[in-house]
Amino acid sequence: QVQLVESGGGLVQPGGSLRLSCVASRSIFSFRAMGWYRQAPGKQRELVATISSGGGINYADSVKGRFTISSDNAKNTVYLQMNRLKPEDTAVYYCKAVPGWPPSDYWGQGTQVTVSS
């Protein structure tokens, strides 16, 4: 069983920064890609950023230029550095692991990010 544990969420003022961490229970090399998603109340879960095993990175337009996804393979950890946070970034942020096979994803429990003055 794969376990993903997110941490680093909290309350921050607009313009502030947070860094989220996702620790996997096995090597992140065993996954085709890792990603961050978020879900705000009343809204669908949406992609924030992904990083592939080959190093390819993709960001949602809404966070491009403000968020950075990175990984530390030795620590089995994927990070999401969030800068210049906006109230509309408020959501539960989830880590996702995408295996090569079977074609199903693993999800963490989520961590709450609240951006408010």
Protein backbone atom coordinates (compact mmCIF):
# COMPACT_ATOMS: atom_id res chain seq x y z
CA GLN A 1 0.00 0.00 0.00
CA VAL A 2 1.31 3.44 -0.94
CA GLN A 3 0.99 6.22 1.60
CA LEU A 4 1.31 9.92 0.81
CA VAL A 5 1.45 12.40 3.69
CA GLU A 6 1.07 16.12 3.08
CA SER A 7 2.11 18.82 5.51
CA GLY A 8 2.88 22.53 5.60
CA GLY A 9 -0.55 24.04 5.23
CA GLY A 10 -1.88 26.79 7.43
CA LEU A 11 -3.17 30.34 7.60
CA VAL A 12 -1.26 33.03 5.74
CA GLN A 13 -1.96 36.61 4.71
CA PRO A 14 -2.29 37.59 1.05
CA GLY A 15 1.13 38.00 -0.47
CA GLY A 16 2.67 35.52 1.92
CA SER A 17 4.34 32.18 1.28
CA LEU A 18 3.99 28.55 2.32
CA ARG A 19 5.85 25.39 1.40
CA LEU A 20 3.91 22.14 1.24
CA SER A 21 5.58 18.75 1.54
CA CYS A 22 4.42 15.34 0.37
CA VAL A 23 6.31 12.35 1.75
CA ALA A 24 5.81 9.05 -0.04
CA SER A 25 6.15 5.63 1.58
CA ARG A 26 8.33 4.40 -1.26
CA SER A 27 10.72 5.83 -3.81
CA ILE A 28 9.15 8.49 -5.98
CA PHE A 29 11.10 6.94 -8.85
CA SER A 30 8.50 4.17 -8.77
CA PHE A 31 5.89 6.64 -10.04
CA ARG A 32 5.52 8.05 -13.51
CA ALA A 33 4.65 11.43 -12.06
CA MET A 34 3.84 13.26 -8.85
CA GLY A 35 1.46 16.16 -8.60
CA TRP A 36 -0.32 18.68 -6.45
CA TYR A 37 -4.06 19.30 -6.74
CA ARG A 38 -6.39 21.52 -4.78
CA GLN A 39 -10.08 21.66 -4.01
CA ALA A 40 -11.93 24.69 -2.70
CA PRO A 41 -15.40 24.45 -1.11
CA GLY A 42 -18.05 23.98 -3.77
CA LYS A 43 -15.51 23.53 -6.54
CA GLN A 44 -14.01 20.61 -8.44
CA ARG A 45 -10.54 19.37 -7.63
CA GLU A 46 -8.08 20.98 -10.01
CA LEU A 47 -4.50 20.42 -11.06
CA VAL A 48 -1.93 22.77 -9.57
CA ALA A 49 1.42 21.34 -10.68
CA THR A 50 3.00 18.07 -11.77
CA ILE A 51 6.53 16.75 -12.04
CA SER A 52 7.37 13.64 -14.03
CA SER A 53 10.03 11.05 -13.31
CA GLY A 54 11.95 12.52 -16.22
CA GLY A 55 11.86 15.99 -14.70
CA GLY A 56 9.13 17.52 -16.82
CA ILE A 57 7.07 20.13 -14.99
CA ASN A 58 3.60 21.48 -15.66
CA TYR A 59 1.66 24.25 -13.88
CA ALA A 60 -1.88 25.47 -13.96
CA ASP A 61 -2.13 28.93 -15.52
CA SER A 62 -3.53 30.32 -12.28
CA VAL A 63 -0.34 29.53 -10.34
CA LYS A 64 2.32 29.85 -13.03
CA GLY A 65 5.05 32.22 -11.91
CA ARG A 66 4.03 32.01 -8.26
CA PHE A 67 4.29 28.31 -7.36
CA THR A 68 7.23 25.95 -7.80
CA ILE A 69 7.12 22.16 -7.64
CA SER A 70 10.31 20.28 -6.78
CA SER A 71 11.45 16.93 -5.46
CA ASP A 72 14.07 15.45 -3.16
CA ASN A 73 14.50 11.85 -4.20
CA ALA A 74 16.62 10.92 -1.18
CA LYS A 75 13.77 11.98 1.11
CA ASN A 76 10.96 10.54 -1.05
CA THR A 77 9.45 14.00 -0.92
CA VAL A 78 7.77 16.38 -3.35
CA TYR A 79 7.42 20.04 -2.45
CA LEU A 80 5.19 22.87 -3.52
CA GLN A 81 6.60 26.31 -2.81
CA MET A 82 3.78 28.84 -2.91
CA ASN A 83 4.63 32.53 -3.12
CA ARG A 84 2.52 35.67 -3.47
CA LEU A 85 -0.50 33.80 -2.22
CA LYS A 86 -3.97 35.09 -3.01
CA PRO A 87 -7.30 34.50 -1.27
CA GLU A 88 -8.41 32.44 -4.26
CA ASP A 89 -5.59 29.99 -3.47
CA THR A 90 -7.54 28.93 -0.39
CA ALA A 91 -8.24 25.20 -0.69
CA VAL A 92 -7.34 21.76 0.55
CA TYR A 93 -4.16 20.75 -1.25
CA TYR A 94 -3.65 17.09 -2.15
CA CYS A 95 -0.61 15.16 -3.26
CA LYS A 96 -1.04 12.60 -6.06
CA ALA A 97 1.21 9.79 -7.23
CA VAL A 98 0.75 8.36 -10.71
CA PRO A 99 2.07 4.83 -11.25
CA GLY A 100 3.04 3.51 -14.63
CA TRP A 101 0.77 0.53 -13.99
CA PRO A 102 -1.95 -0.12 -12.93
CA PRO A 103 -3.67 3.01 -14.30
CA SER A 104 -4.90 4.29 -10.95
CA ASP A 105 -3.69 7.13 -8.78
CA TYR A 106 -2.75 7.40 -5.11
CA TRP A 107 -3.82 10.40 -3.03
CA GLY A 108 -2.74 11.92 0.23
CA GLN A 109 -5.12 13.06 2.95
CA GLY A 110 -4.81 16.74 2.09
CA THR A 111 -3.59 19.81 3.92
CA GLN A 112 -5.59 23.01 4.37
CA VAL A 113 -4.26 26.29 3.00
CA THR A 114 -6.14 29.43 3.98
CA VAL A 115 -5.16 32.82 2.59
CA SER A 116 -6.90 35.61 4.45
CA SER A 117 -6.22 38.98 6.01
